């Protein structure tokens, strides 16, 4: 295990040393191409805004699934400590919901680009 960690650290250091330098675009080229780039950017802005509006419900679903993960420890506490007080049934439901929440969240994250194009699951 120590060899793997050492090898990984060396690989990370070597890859960070040999990064290519970022080059800026020539200001003259930018000033010549700006009149052609602006109409394209204005035309694409409508599609970008529409994509963001379509993906907002997906972000809400992801947040809901993220909060549903906390139902797993809550349900465990309800099943163990709250069982004598009648919380066994809701506790089992919370454990099941909390267990399936990460899988639903992964599905919603993977489906987000499709949702941005206007399709609904």
PDB file of N, CA and C in Angstrom:
ATOM      1  N   UNK A   1       0.829  -1.194   0.000  1.00  0.00           N
ATOM      2  CA  UNK A   1       0.000   0.000   0.000  1.00  0.00           C
ATOM      3  C   UNK A   1       0.873   1.257   0.000  1.00  0.00           C
ATOM      4  N   UNK A   2       1.997   1.198   0.749  1.00  0.00           N
ATOM      5  CA  UNK A   2       2.893   2.349   0.800  1.00  0.00           C
ATOM      6  C   UNK A   2       3.533   2.603  -0.559  1.00  0.00           C
ATOM      7  N   UNK A   3       3.833   1.536  -1.283  1.00  0.00           N
ATOM      8  CA  UNK A   3       4.423   1.693  -2.606  1.00  0.00           C
ATOM      9  C   UNK A   3       3.435   2.364  -3.560  1.00  0.00           C
ATOM     10  N   UNK A   4       2.168   1.980  -3.445  1.00  0.00           N
ATOM     11  CA  UNK A   4       1.142   2.576  -4.304  1.00  0.00           C
ATOM     12  C   UNK A   4       0.996   4.063  -4.014  1.00  0.00           C
ATOM     13  N   UNK A   5       0.967   4.420  -2.751  1.00  0.00           N
ATOM     14  CA  UNK A   5       0.811   5.831  -2.377  1.00  0.00           C
ATOM     15  C   UNK A   5       2.023   6.629  -2.851  1.00  0.00           C
ATOM     16  N   UNK A   6       3.232   6.058  -2.687  1.00  0.00           N
ATOM     17  CA  UNK A   6       4.443   6.739  -3.140  1.00  0.00           C
ATOM     18  C   UNK A   6       4.442   6.898  -4.661  1.00  0.00           C
ATOM     19  N   UNK A   7       4.049   5.857  -5.374  1.00  0.00           N
ATOM     20  CA  UNK A   7       3.984   5.919  -6.833  1.00  0.00           C
ATOM     21  C   UNK A   7       2.948   6.941  -7.300  1.00  0.00           C
ATOM     22  N   UNK A   8       1.810   6.987  -6.616  1.00  0.00           N
ATOM     23  CA  UNK A   8       0.771   7.953  -6.956  1.00  0.00           C
ATOM     24  C   UNK A   8       1.255   9.385  -6.714  1.00  0.00           C
ATOM     25  N   UNK A   9       1.957   9.608  -5.595  1.00  0.00           N
ATOM     26  CA  UNK A   9       2.465  10.947  -5.293  1.00  0.00           C
ATOM     27  C   UNK A   9       3.501  11.387  -6.322  1.00  0.00           C
ATOM     28  N   UNK A  10       4.377  10.473  -6.724  1.00  0.00           N
ATOM     29  CA  UNK A  10       5.375  10.804  -7.741  1.00  0.00           C
ATOM     30  C   UNK A  10       4.699  11.120  -9.068  1.00  0.00           C
ATOM     31  N   UNK A  11       3.680  10.347  -9.435  1.00  0.00           N
ATOM     32  CA  UNK A  11       2.970  10.593 -10.690  1.00  0.00           C
ATOM     33  C   UNK A  11       2.279  11.950 -10.678  1.00  0.00           C
ATOM     34  N   UNK A  12       1.674  12.316  -9.556  1.00  0.00           N
ATOM     35  CA  UNK A  12       1.016  13.618  -9.456  1.00  0.00           C
ATOM     36  C   UNK A  12       2.038  14.743  -9.567  1.00  0.00           C
ATOM     37  N   UNK A  13       3.175  14.583  -8.920  1.00  0.00           N
ATOM     38  CA  UNK A  13       4.212  15.623  -8.998  1.00  0.00           C
ATOM     39  C   UNK A  13       4.752  15.760 -10.410  1.00  0.00           C
ATOM     40  N   UNK A  14       4.982  14.635 -11.078  1.00  0.00           N
ATOM     41  CA  UNK A  14       5.529  14.704 -12.430  1.00  0.00           C
ATOM     42  C   UNK A  14       4.534  15.308 -13.418  1.00  0.00           C
ATOM     43  N   UNK A  15       3.259  14.980 -13.276  1.00  0.00           N
ATOM     44  CA  UNK A  15       2.280  15.546 -14.202  1.00  0.00           C
ATOM     45  C   UNK A  15       2.081  17.039 -13.960  1.00  0.00           C
ATOM     46  N   UNK A  16       2.269  17.483 -12.722  1.00  0.00           N
ATOM     47  CA  UNK A  16       2.124  18.919 -12.462  1.00  0.00           C
ATOM     48  C   UNK A  16       3.332  19.706 -12.951  1.00  0.00           C
ATOM     49  N   UNK A  17       4.487  19.051 -13.087  1.00  0.00           N
ATOM     50  CA  UNK A  17       5.677  19.751 -13.575  1.00  0.00           C
ATOM     51  C   UNK A  17       5.646  19.984 -15.075  1.00  0.00           C
ATOM     52  N   UNK A  18       5.029  19.098 -15.827  1.00  0.00           N
ATOM     53  CA  UNK A  18       5.092  19.156 -17.284  1.00  0.00           C
ATOM     54  C   UNK A  18       3.784  19.653 -17.909  1.00  0.00           C
ATOM     55  N   UNK A  19       3.151  20.612 -17.283  1.00  0.00           N
ATOM     56  CA  UNK A  19       1.932  21.200 -17.832  1.00  0.00           C
ATOM     57  C   UNK A  19       2.313  22.213 -18.915  1.00  0.00           C
ATOM     58  N   UNK A  20       1.562  22.228 -20.024  1.00  0.00           N
ATOM     59  CA  UNK A  20       1.882  23.228 -21.053  1.00  0.00           C
ATOM     60  C   UNK A  20       1.500  24.629 -20.588  1.00  0.00           C
ATOM     61  N   UNK A  21       2.243  25.604 -21.073  1.00  0.00           N
ATOM     62  CA  UNK A  21       1.981  26.992 -20.717  1.00  0.00           C
ATOM     63  C   UNK A  21       0.761  27.499 -21.471  1.00  0.00           C
ATOM     64  N   UNK A  22      -0.043  28.300 -20.804  1.00  0.00           N
ATOM     65  CA  UNK A  22      -1.208  28.889 -21.451  1.00  0.00           C
ATOM     66  C   UNK A  22      -0.764  30.069 -22.304  1.00  0.00           C
ATOM     67  N   UNK A  23      -1.295  30.119 -23.505  1.00  0.00           N
ATOM     68  CA  UNK A  23      -0.934  31.209 -24.410  1.00  0.00           C
ATOM     69  C   UNK A  23      -2.161  32.083 -24.651  1.00  0.00           C
ATOM     70  N   UNK A  24      -1.959  33.372 -24.581  1.00  0.00           N
ATOM     71  CA  UNK A  24      -3.045  34.312 -24.826  1.00  0.00           C
ATOM     72  C   UNK A  24      -3.201  34.544 -26.322  1.00  0.00           C
ATOM     73  N   UNK A  25      -4.427  34.872 -26.717  1.00  0.00           N
ATOM     74  CA  UNK A  25      -4.683  35.204 -28.117  1.00  0.00           C
ATOM     75  C   UNK A  25      -4.185  36.623 -28.376  1.00  0.00           C
ATOM     76  N   UNK A  26      -3.647  36.810 -29.526  1.00  0.00           N
ATOM     77  CA  UNK A  26      -3.126  38.111 -29.925  1.00  0.00           C
ATOM     78  C   UNK A  26      -4.248  39.152 -29.882  1.00  0.00           C
ATOM     79  N   UNK A  27      -4.029  40.325 -29.263  1.00  0.00           N
ATOM     80  CA  UNK A  27      -5.088  41.342 -29.190  1.00  0.00           C
ATOM     81  C   UNK A  27      -5.565  41.819 -30.558  1.00  0.00           C
ATOM     82  N   UNK A  28      -4.693  41.827 -31.536  1.00  0.00           N
ATOM     83  CA  UNK A  28      -5.091  42.258 -32.883  1.00  0.00           C
ATOM     84  C   UNK A  28      -6.062  41.240 -33.473  1.00  0.00           C
ATOM     85  N   UNK A  29      -5.778  39.962 -33.264  1.00  0.00           N
ATOM     86  CA  UNK A  29      -6.674  38.916 -33.768  1.00  0.00           C
ATOM     87  C   UNK A  29      -8.027  39.003 -33.080  1.00  0.00           C
ATOM     88  N   UNK A  30      -8.003  39.268 -31.764  1.00  0.00           N
ATOM     89  CA  UNK A  30      -9.274  39.390 -31.048  1.00  0.00           C
ATOM     90  C   UNK A  30     -10.087  40.568 -31.572  1.00  0.00           C
ATOM     91  N   UNK A  31      -9.448  41.679 -31.829  1.00  0.00           N
ATOM     92  CA  UNK A  31     -10.188  42.846 -32.312  1.00  0.00           C
ATOM     93  C   UNK A  31     -10.714  42.632 -33.728  1.00  0.00           C
ATOM     94  N   UNK A  32     -10.025  41.836 -34.532  1.00  0.00           N
ATOM     95  CA  UNK A  32     -10.510  41.554 -35.882  1.00  0.00           C
ATOM     96  C   UNK A  32     -11.678  40.564 -35.879  1.00  0.00           C
ATOM     97  N   UNK A  33     -11.663  39.605 -34.941  1.00  0.00           N
ATOM     98  CA  UNK A  33     -12.697  38.574 -34.924  1.00  0.00           C
ATOM     99  C   UNK A  33     -13.908  38.929 -34.068  1.00  0.00           C
ATOM    100  N   UNK A  34     -13.819  39.963 -33.243  1.00  0.00           N
ATOM    101  CA  UNK A  34     -14.921  40.336 -32.363  1.00  0.00           C
ATOM    102  C   UNK A  34     -16.210  40.665 -33.116  1.00  0.00           C
ATOM    103  N   UNK A  35     -16.181  41.398 -34.237  1.00  0.00           N
ATOM    104  CA  UNK A  35     -17.444  41.673 -34.931  1.00  0.00           C
ATOM    105  C   UNK A  35     -18.129  40.416 -35.459  1.00  0.00           C
ATOM    106  N   UNK A  36     -17.361  39.372 -35.743  1.00  0.00           N
ATOM    107  CA  UNK A  36     -17.960  38.126 -36.233  1.00  0.00           C
ATOM    108  C   UNK A  36     -18.420  37.227 -35.082  1.00  0.00           C
ATOM    109  N   UNK A  37     -17.761  37.351 -33.944  1.00  0.00           N
ATOM    110  CA  UNK A  37     -18.096  36.497 -32.809  1.00  0.00           C
ATOM    111  C   UNK A  37     -19.341  36.977 -32.068  1.00  0.00           C
ATOM    112  N   UNK A  38     -19.604  38.259 -32.055  1.00  0.00           N
ATOM    113  CA  UNK A  38     -20.745  38.787 -31.300  1.00  0.00           C
ATOM    114  C   UNK A  38     -22.093  38.305 -31.817  1.00  0.00           C
ATOM    115  N   UNK A  39     -22.369  38.296 -33.107  1.00  0.00           N
ATOM    116  CA  UNK A  39     -23.668  37.771 -33.543  1.00  0.00           C
ATOM    117  C   UNK A  39     -23.833  36.277 -33.225  1.00  0.00           C
ATOM    118  N   UNK A  40     -22.745  35.536 -33.312  1.00  0.00           N
ATOM    119  CA  UNK A  40     -22.823  34.109 -32.979  1.00  0.00           C
ATOM    120  C   UNK A  40     -23.121  33.933 -31.492  1.00  0.00           C
ATOM    121  N   UNK A  41     -22.476  34.733 -30.647  1.00  0.00           N
ATOM    122  CA  UNK A  41     -22.719  34.647 -29.211  1.00  0.00           C
ATOM    123  C   UNK A  41     -24.145  35.068 -28.863  1.00  0.00           C
ATOM    124  N   UNK A  42     -24.667  36.079 -29.541  1.00  0.00           N
ATOM    125  CA  UNK A  42     -26.041  36.514 -29.282  1.00  0.00           C
ATOM    126  C   UNK A  42     -27.044  35.454 -29.714  1.00  0.00           C
ATOM    127  N   UNK A  43     -26.765  34.764 -30.820  1.00  0.00           N
ATOM    128  CA  UNK A  43     -27.670  33.698 -31.267  1.00  0.00           C
ATOM    129  C   UNK A  43     -27.619  32.502 -30.326  1.00  0.00           C
ATOM    130  N   UNK A  44     -26.440  32.206 -29.784  1.00  0.00           N
ATOM    131  CA  UNK A  44     -26.300  31.056 -28.891  1.00  0.00           C
ATOM    132  C   UNK A  44     -26.845  31.347 -27.501  1.00  0.00           C
ATOM    133  N   UNK A  45     -26.962  32.620 -27.133  1.00  0.00           N
ATOM    134  CA  UNK A  45     -27.431  32.970 -25.795  1.00  0.00           C
ATOM    135  C   UNK A  45     -28.852  32.483 -25.554  1.00  0.00           C
ATOM    136  N   UNK A  46     -29.692  32.556 -26.558  1.00  0.00           N
ATOM    137  CA  UNK A  46     -31.070  32.075 -26.398  1.00  0.00           C
ATOM    138  C   UNK A  46     -31.131  30.587 -26.106  1.00  0.00           C
ATOM    139  N   UNK A  47     -30.299  29.826 -26.798  1.00  0.00           N
ATOM    140  CA  UNK A  47     -30.273  28.392 -26.567  1.00  0.00           C
ATOM    141  C   UNK A  47     -29.688  28.057 -25.187  1.00  0.00           C
ATOM    142  N   UNK A  48     -28.680  28.817 -24.772  1.00  0.00           N
ATOM    143  CA  UNK A  48     -28.082  28.579 -23.459  1.00  0.00           C
ATOM    144  C   UNK A  48     -29.072  28.876 -22.343  1.00  0.00           C
ATOM    145  N   UNK A  49     -29.812  29.969 -22.484  1.00  0.00           N
ATOM    146  CA  UNK A  49     -30.800  30.316 -21.460  1.00  0.00           C
ATOM    147  C   UNK A  49     -31.914  29.278 -21.429  1.00  0.00           C
ATOM    148  N   UNK A  50     -32.350  28.824 -22.589  1.00  0.00           N
ATOM    149  CA  UNK A  50     -33.393  27.797 -22.638  1.00  0.00           C
ATOM    150  C   UNK A  50     -32.915  26.499 -21.989  1.00  0.00           C
ATOM    151  N   UNK A  51     -31.645  26.140 -22.220  1.00  0.00           N
ATOM    152  CA  UNK A  51     -31.084  24.945 -21.603  1.00  0.00           C
ATOM    153  C   UNK A  51     -31.011  25.064 -20.093  1.00  0.00           C
ATOM    154  N   UNK A  52     -30.638  26.241 -19.604  1.00  0.00           N
ATOM    155  CA  UNK A  52     -30.588  26.439 -18.153  1.00  0.00           C
ATOM    156  C   UNK A  52     -31.975  26.377 -17.530  1.00  0.00           C
ATOM    157  N   UNK A  53     -32.956  26.972 -18.221  1.00  0.00           N
ATOM    158  CA  UNK A  53     -34.325  26.942 -17.692  1.00  0.00           C
ATOM    159  C   UNK A  53     -34.860  25.510 -17.669  1.00  0.00           C
ATOM    160  N   UNK A  54     -34.530  24.730 -18.697  1.00  0.00           N
ATOM    161  CA  UNK A  54     -34.993  23.343 -18.727  1.00  0.00           C
ATOM    162  C   UNK A  54     -34.313  22.479 -17.673  1.00  0.00           C
ATOM    163  N   UNK A  55     -33.089  22.829 -17.265  1.00  0.00           N
ATOM    164  CA  UNK A  55     -32.374  21.996 -16.316  1.00  0.00           C
ATOM    165  C   UNK A  55     -32.628  22.366 -14.856  1.00  0.00           C
ATOM    166  N   UNK A  56     -33.318  23.454 -14.586  1.00  0.00           N
ATOM    167  CA  UNK A  56     -33.604  23.853 -13.203  1.00  0.00           C
ATOM    168  C   UNK A  56     -34.388  22.774 -12.442  1.00  0.00           C
ATOM    169  N   UNK A  57     -35.421  22.151 -13.003  1.00  0.00           N
ATOM    170  CA  UNK A  57     -36.080  21.075 -12.247  1.00  0.00           C
ATOM    171  C   UNK A  57     -35.148  19.905 -11.929  1.00  0.00           C
ATOM    172  N   UNK A  58     -34.166  19.662 -12.783  1.00  0.00           N
ATOM    173  CA  UNK A  58     -33.187  18.616 -12.502  1.00  0.00           C
ATOM    174  C   UNK A  58     -32.329  18.963 -11.305  1.00  0.00           C
ATOM    175  N   UNK A  59     -31.932  20.240 -11.199  1.00  0.00           N
ATOM    176  CA  UNK A  59     -31.156  20.666 -10.036  1.00  0.00           C
ATOM    177  C   UNK A  59     -31.981  20.538  -8.755  1.00  0.00           C
ATOM    178  N   UNK A  60     -33.263  20.829  -8.839  1.00  0.00           N
ATOM    179  CA  UNK A  60     -34.128  20.686  -7.671  1.00  0.00           C
ATOM    180  C   UNK A  60     -34.237  19.212  -7.268  1.00  0.00           C
ATOM    181  N   UNK A  61     -34.363  18.318  -8.245  1.00  0.00           N
ATOM    182  CA  UNK A  61     -34.418  16.881  -7.958  1.00  0.00           C
ATOM    183  C   UNK A  61     -33.111  16.406  -7.323  1.00  0.00           C
ATOM    184  N   UNK A  62     -31.976  16.894  -7.824  1.00  0.00           N
ATOM    185  CA  UNK A  62     -30.687  16.502  -7.257  1.00  0.00           C
ATOM    186  C   UNK A  62     -30.582  16.964  -5.806  1.00  0.00           C
ATOM    187  N   UNK A  63     -31.018  18.173  -5.513  1.00  0.00           N
ATOM    188  CA  UNK A  63     -31.011  18.668  -4.137  1.00  0.00           C
ATOM    189  C   UNK A  63     -31.925  17.873  -3.230  1.00  0.00           C
ATOM    190  N   UNK A  64     -33.087  17.492  -3.760  1.00  0.00           N
ATOM    191  CA  UNK A  64     -34.011  16.686  -2.967  1.00  0.00           C
ATOM    192  C   UNK A  64     -33.423  15.316  -2.655  1.00  0.00           C
ATOM    193  N   UNK A  65     -32.757  14.712  -3.653  1.00  0.00           N
ATOM    194  CA  UNK A  65     -32.121  13.419  -3.426  1.00  0.00           C
ATOM    195  C   UNK A  65     -30.946  13.539  -2.460  1.00  0.00           C
ATOM    196  N   UNK A  66     -30.232  14.663  -2.537  1.00  0.00           N
ATOM    197  CA  UNK A  66     -29.114  14.866  -1.634  1.00  0.00           C
ATOM    198  C   UNK A  66     -29.598  14.970  -0.194  1.00  0.00           C
ATOM    199  N   UNK A  67     -30.703  15.637   0.018  1.00  0.00           N
ATOM    200  CA  UNK A  67     -31.248  15.731   1.370  1.00  0.00           C
ATOM    201  C   UNK A  67     -31.876  14.414   1.818  1.00  0.00           C
ATOM    202  N   UNK A  68     -32.365  13.608   0.872  1.00  0.00           N
ATOM    203  CA  UNK A  68     -32.970  12.323   1.223  1.00  0.00           C
ATOM    204  C   UNK A  68     -31.947  11.320   1.733  1.00  0.00           C
ATOM    205  N   UNK A  69     -30.672  11.551   1.469  1.00  0.00           N
ATOM    206  CA  UNK A  69     -29.636  10.656   1.988  1.00  0.00           C
ATOM    207  C   UNK A  69     -29.644  10.668   3.516  1.00  0.00           C
ATOM    208  N   UNK A  70     -30.003  11.798   4.104  1.00  0.00           N
ATOM    209  CA  UNK A  70     -30.024  11.899   5.565  1.00  0.00           C
ATOM    210  C   UNK A  70     -31.177  11.117   6.185  1.00  0.00           C
ATOM    211  N   UNK A  71     -32.066  10.571   5.373  1.00  0.00           N
ATOM    212  CA  UNK A  71     -33.130   9.731   5.912  1.00  0.00           C
ATOM    213  C   UNK A  71     -32.602   8.373   6.385  1.00  0.00           C
ATOM    214  N   UNK A  72     -31.455   7.946   5.866  1.00  0.00           N
ATOM    215  CA  UNK A  72     -30.897   6.657   6.263  1.00  0.00           C
ATOM    216  C   UNK A  72     -30.505   6.646   7.743  1.00  0.00           C
ATOM    217  N   UNK A  73     -29.709   7.595   8.245  1.00  0.00           N
ATOM    218  CA  UNK A  73     -29.433   7.554   9.690  1.00  0.00           C
ATOM    219  C   UNK A  73     -30.663   7.863  10.531  1.00  0.00           C
ATOM    220  N   UNK A  74     -31.551   8.716  10.031  1.00  0.00           N
ATOM    221  CA  UNK A  74     -32.776   8.996  10.773  1.00  0.00           C
ATOM    222  C   UNK A  74     -33.620   7.734  10.906  1.00  0.00           C
ATOM    223  N   UNK A  75     -33.757   6.998   9.816  1.00  0.00           N
ATOM    224  CA  UNK A  75     -34.527   5.758   9.863  1.00  0.00           C
ATOM    225  C   UNK A  75     -33.885   4.712  10.745  1.00  0.00           C
ATOM    226  N   UNK A  76     -32.555   4.680  10.770  1.00  0.00           N
ATOM    227  CA  UNK A  76     -31.867   3.732  11.650  1.00  0.00           C
ATOM    228  C   UNK A  76     -32.145   4.054  13.108  1.00  0.00           C
ATOM    229  N   UNK A  77     -32.114   5.330  13.445  1.00  0.00           N
ATOM    230  CA  UNK A  77     -32.416   5.732  14.820  1.00  0.00           C
ATOM    231  C   UNK A  77     -33.866   5.425  15.149  1.00  0.00           C
ATOM    232  N   UNK A  78     -34.758   5.676  14.211  1.00  0.00           N
ATOM    233  CA  UNK A  78     -36.177   5.373  14.453  1.00  0.00           C
ATOM    234  C   UNK A  78     -36.406   3.880  14.643  1.00  0.00           C
ATOM    235  N   UNK A  79     -35.688   3.051  13.872  1.00  0.00           N
ATOM    236  CA  UNK A  79     -35.876   1.598  13.989  1.00  0.00           C
ATOM    237  C   UNK A  79     -35.317   1.041  15.289  1.00  0.00           C
ATOM    238  N   UNK A  80     -34.252   1.645  15.793  1.00  0.00           N
ATOM    239  CA  UNK A  80     -33.636   1.101  17.003  1.00  0.00           C
ATOM    240  C   UNK A  80     -34.181   1.747  18.263  1.00  0.00           C
ATOM    241  N   UNK A  81     -34.046   3.047  18.386  1.00  0.00           N
ATOM    242  CA  UNK A  81     -34.445   3.732  19.612  1.00  0.00           C
ATOM    243  C   UNK A  81     -35.951   3.968  19.652  1.00  0.00           C
ATOM    244  N   UNK A  82     -36.530   4.284  18.513  1.00  0.00           N
ATOM    245  CA  UNK A  82     -37.947   4.629  18.496  1.00  0.00           C
ATOM    246  C   UNK A  82     -38.891   3.457  18.306  1.00  0.00           C
ATOM    247  N   UNK A  83     -38.374   2.239  18.176  1.00  0.00           N
ATOM    248  CA  UNK A  83     -39.233   1.078  17.954  1.00  0.00           C
ATOM    249  C   UNK A  83     -40.236   0.862  19.091  1.00  0.00           C
ATOM    250  N   UNK A  84     -39.837   1.022  20.335  1.00  0.00           N
ATOM    251  CA  UNK A  84     -40.841   0.838  21.398  1.00  0.00           C
ATOM    252  C   UNK A  84     -41.926   1.917  21.400  1.00  0.00           C
ATOM    253  N   UNK A  85     -41.647   3.024  20.751  1.00  0.00           N
ATOM    254  CA  UNK A  85     -42.601   4.134  20.744  1.00  0.00           C
ATOM    255  C   UNK A  85     -43.438   4.189  19.472  1.00  0.00           C
ATOM    256  N   UNK A  86     -43.352   3.177  18.620  1.00  0.00           N
ATOM    257  CA  UNK A  86     -44.175   3.106  17.422  1.00  0.00           C
ATOM    258  C   UNK A  86     -43.549   3.694  16.180  1.00  0.00           C
ATOM    259  N   UNK A  87     -42.238   3.880  16.179  1.00  0.00           N
ATOM    260  CA  UNK A  87     -41.564   4.452  15.019  1.00  0.00           C
ATOM    261  C   UNK A  87     -40.915   3.404  14.122  1.00  0.00           C
ATOM    262  N   UNK A  88     -41.235   2.141  14.299  1.00  0.00           N
ATOM    263  CA  UNK A  88     -40.591   1.106  13.497  1.00  0.00           C
ATOM    264  C   UNK A  88     -41.023   1.189  12.032  1.00  0.00           C
ATOM    265  N   UNK A  89     -42.312   1.348  11.763  1.00  0.00           N
ATOM    266  CA  UNK A  89     -42.810   1.427  10.390  1.00  0.00           C
ATOM    267  C   UNK A  89     -42.252   2.620   9.622  1.00  0.00           C
ATOM    268  N   UNK A  90     -42.371   3.848  10.168  1.00  0.00           N
ATOM    269  CA  UNK A  90     -41.769   4.988   9.475  1.00  0.00           C
ATOM    270  C   UNK A  90     -40.250   4.880   9.376  1.00  0.00           C
ATOM    271  N   UNK A  91     -39.626   4.250  10.366  1.00  0.00           N
ATOM    272  CA  UNK A  91     -38.179   4.083  10.331  1.00  0.00           C
ATOM    273  C   UNK A  91     -37.741   3.195   9.181  1.00  0.00           C
ATOM    274  N   UNK A  92     -38.487   2.111   8.941  1.00  0.00           N
ATOM    275  CA  UNK A  92     -38.162   1.231   7.817  1.00  0.00           C
ATOM    276  C   UNK A  92     -38.352   1.965   6.497  1.00  0.00           C
ATOM    277  N   UNK A  93     -39.414   2.753   6.395  1.00  0.00           N
ATOM    278  CA  UNK A  93     -39.624   3.546   5.167  1.00  0.00           C
ATOM    279  C   UNK A  93     -38.494   4.552   4.959  1.00  0.00           C
ATOM    280  N   UNK A  94     -38.026   5.176   6.030  1.00  0.00           N
ATOM    281  CA  UNK A  94     -36.938   6.140   5.907  1.00  0.00           C
ATOM    282  C   UNK A  94     -35.618   5.454   5.539  1.00  0.00           C
ATOM    283  N   UNK A  95     -35.383   4.256   6.083  1.00  0.00           N
ATOM    284  CA  UNK A  95     -34.161   3.522   5.729  1.00  0.00           C
ATOM    285  C   UNK A  95     -34.179   3.175   4.247  1.00  0.00           C
ATOM    286  N   UNK A  96     -35.305   2.721   3.738  1.00  0.00           N
ATOM    287  CA  UNK A  96     -35.400   2.372   2.315  1.00  0.00           C
ATOM    288  C   UNK A  96     -35.223   3.610   1.447  1.00  0.00           C
ATOM    289  N   UNK A  97     -35.868   4.712   1.821  1.00  0.00           N
ATOM    290  CA  UNK A  97     -35.733   5.956   1.041  1.00  0.00           C
ATOM    291  C   UNK A  97     -34.302   6.489   1.089  1.00  0.00           C
ATOM    292  N   UNK A  98     -33.669   6.409   2.254  1.00  0.00           N
ATOM    293  CA  UNK A  98     -32.292   6.873   2.379  1.00  0.00           C
ATOM    294  C   UNK A  98     -31.314   5.992   1.630  1.00  0.00           C
ATOM    295  N   UNK A  99     -31.617   4.688   1.530  1.00  0.00           N
ATOM    296  CA  UNK A  99     -30.737   3.776   0.806  1.00  0.00           C
ATOM    297  C   UNK A  99     -30.821   3.996  -0.694  1.00  0.00           C
ATOM    298  N   UNK A 100     -31.995   4.297  -1.208  1.00  0.00           N
ATOM    299  CA  UNK A 100     -32.134   4.471  -2.656  1.00  0.00           C
ATOM    300  C   UNK A 100     -31.804   5.889  -3.120  1.00  0.00           C
ATOM    301  N   UNK A 101     -31.668   6.843  -2.203  1.00  0.00           N
ATOM    302  CA  UNK A 101     -31.410   8.238  -2.569  1.00  0.00           C
ATOM    303  C   UNK A 101     -30.106   8.444  -3.344  1.00  0.00           C
ATOM    304  N   UNK A 102     -28.973   7.819  -2.980  1.00  0.00           N
ATOM    305  CA  UNK A 102     -27.762   8.045  -3.787  1.00  0.00           C
ATOM    306  C   UNK A 102     -27.900   7.540  -5.220  1.00  0.00           C
ATOM    307  N   UNK A 103     -28.609   6.437  -5.400  1.00  0.00           N
ATOM    308  CA  UNK A 103     -28.801   5.908  -6.744  1.00  0.00           C
ATOM    309  C   UNK A 103     -29.688   6.831  -7.577  1.00  0.00           C
ATOM    310  N   UNK A 104     -30.716   7.382  -6.961  1.00  0.00           N
ATOM    311  CA  UNK A 104     -31.570   8.340  -7.659  1.00  0.00           C
ATOM    312  C   UNK A 104     -30.795   9.619  -7.985  1.00  0.00           C
ATOM    313  N   UNK A 105     -29.915  10.024  -7.070  1.00  0.00           N
ATOM    314  CA  UNK A 105     -29.135  11.233  -7.315  1.00  0.00           C
ATOM    315  C   UNK A 105     -28.173  11.031  -8.483  1.00  0.00           C
ATOM    316  N   UNK A 106     -27.536   9.866  -8.553  1.00  0.00           N
ATOM    317  CA  UNK A 106     -26.639   9.579  -9.682  1.00  0.00           C
ATOM    318  C   UNK A 106     -27.431   9.567 -10.988  1.00  0.00           C
ATOM    319  N   UNK A 107     -28.624   8.970 -10.976  1.00  0.00           N
ATOM    320  CA  UNK A 107     -29.462   8.964 -12.170  1.00  0.00           C
ATOM    321  C   UNK A 107     -29.815  10.382 -12.590  1.00  0.00           C
ATOM    322  N   UNK A 108     -30.199  11.224 -11.632  1.00  0.00           N
ATOM    323  CA  UNK A 108     -30.567  12.604 -11.959  1.00  0.00           C
ATOM    324  C   UNK A 108     -29.370  13.398 -12.474  1.00  0.00           C
ATOM    325  N   UNK A 109     -28.188  13.151 -11.927  1.00  0.00           N
ATOM    326  CA  UNK A 109     -26.992  13.853 -12.408  1.00  0.00           C
ATOM    327  C   UNK A 109     -26.655  13.416 -13.819  1.00  0.00           C
ATOM    328  N   UNK A 110     -26.741  12.123 -14.094  1.00  0.00           N
ATOM    329  CA  UNK A 110     -26.433  11.641 -15.440  1.00  0.00           C
ATOM    330  C   UNK A 110     -27.488  12.076 -16.457  1.00  0.00           C
ATOM    331  N   UNK A 111     -28.703  12.288 -16.007  1.00  0.00           N
ATOM    332  CA  UNK A 111     -29.788  12.665 -16.897  1.00  0.00           C
ATOM    333  C   UNK A 111     -29.878  14.178 -17.095  1.00  0.00           C
ATOM    334  N   UNK A 112     -29.066  14.956 -16.374  1.00  0.00           N
ATOM    335  CA  UNK A 112     -29.145  16.416 -16.435  1.00  0.00           C
ATOM    336  C   UNK A 112     -28.867  16.982 -17.830  1.00  0.00           C
ATOM    337  N   UNK A 113     -27.869  16.509 -18.581  1.00  0.00           N
ATOM    338  CA  UNK A 113     -27.684  17.050 -19.940  1.00  0.00           C
ATOM    339  C   UNK A 113     -28.866  16.750 -20.869  1.00  0.00           C
ATOM    340  N   UNK A 114     -29.484  15.596 -20.689  1.00  0.00           N
ATOM    341  CA  UNK A 114     -30.655  15.268 -21.498  1.00  0.00           C
ATOM    342  C   UNK A 114     -31.817  16.171 -21.137  1.00  0.00           C
ATOM    343  N   UNK A 115     -31.941  16.457 -19.855  1.00  0.00           N
ATOM    344  CA  UNK A 115     -33.004  17.355 -19.384  1.00  0.00           C
ATOM    345  C   UNK A 115     -32.776  18.779 -19.895  1.00  0.00           C
ATOM    346  N   UNK A 116     -31.506  19.185 -20.034  1.00  0.00           N
ATOM    347  CA  UNK A 116     -31.208  20.525 -20.550  1.00  0.00           C
ATOM    348  C   UNK A 116     -31.651  20.683 -21.991  1.00  0.00           C
ATOM    349  N   UNK A 117     -31.726  19.580 -22.729  1.00  0.00           N
ATOM    350  CA  UNK A 117     -32.183  19.654 -24.124  1.00  0.00           C
ATOM    351  C   UNK A 117     -33.699  19.675 -24.226  1.00  0.00           C
ATOM    352  N   UNK A 118     -34.395  19.537 -23.106  1.00  0.00           N
ATOM    353  CA  UNK A 118     -35.843  19.658 -23.133  1.00  0.00           C
ATOM    354  C   UNK A 118     -36.603  18.384 -22.894  1.00  0.00           C
ATOM    355  N   UNK A 119     -35.922  17.251 -22.721  1.00  0.00           N
ATOM    356  CA  UNK A 119     -36.603  15.984 -22.470  1.00  0.00           C
ATOM    357  C   UNK A 119     -36.845  15.830 -20.977  1.00  0.00           C
ATOM    358  N   UNK A 120     -37.941  15.194 -20.627  1.00  0.00           N
ATOM    359  CA  UNK A 120     -38.264  14.953 -19.224  1.00  0.00           C
ATOM    360  C   UNK A 120     -38.178  13.440 -18.966  1.00  0.00           C
ATOM    361  N   UNK A 121     -37.717  13.043 -17.763  1.00  0.00           N
ATOM    362  CA  UNK A 121     -37.608  11.598 -17.495  1.00  0.00           C
ATOM    363  C   UNK A 121     -38.959  10.932 -17.358  1.00  0.00           C
TER     364      UNK A 121
END
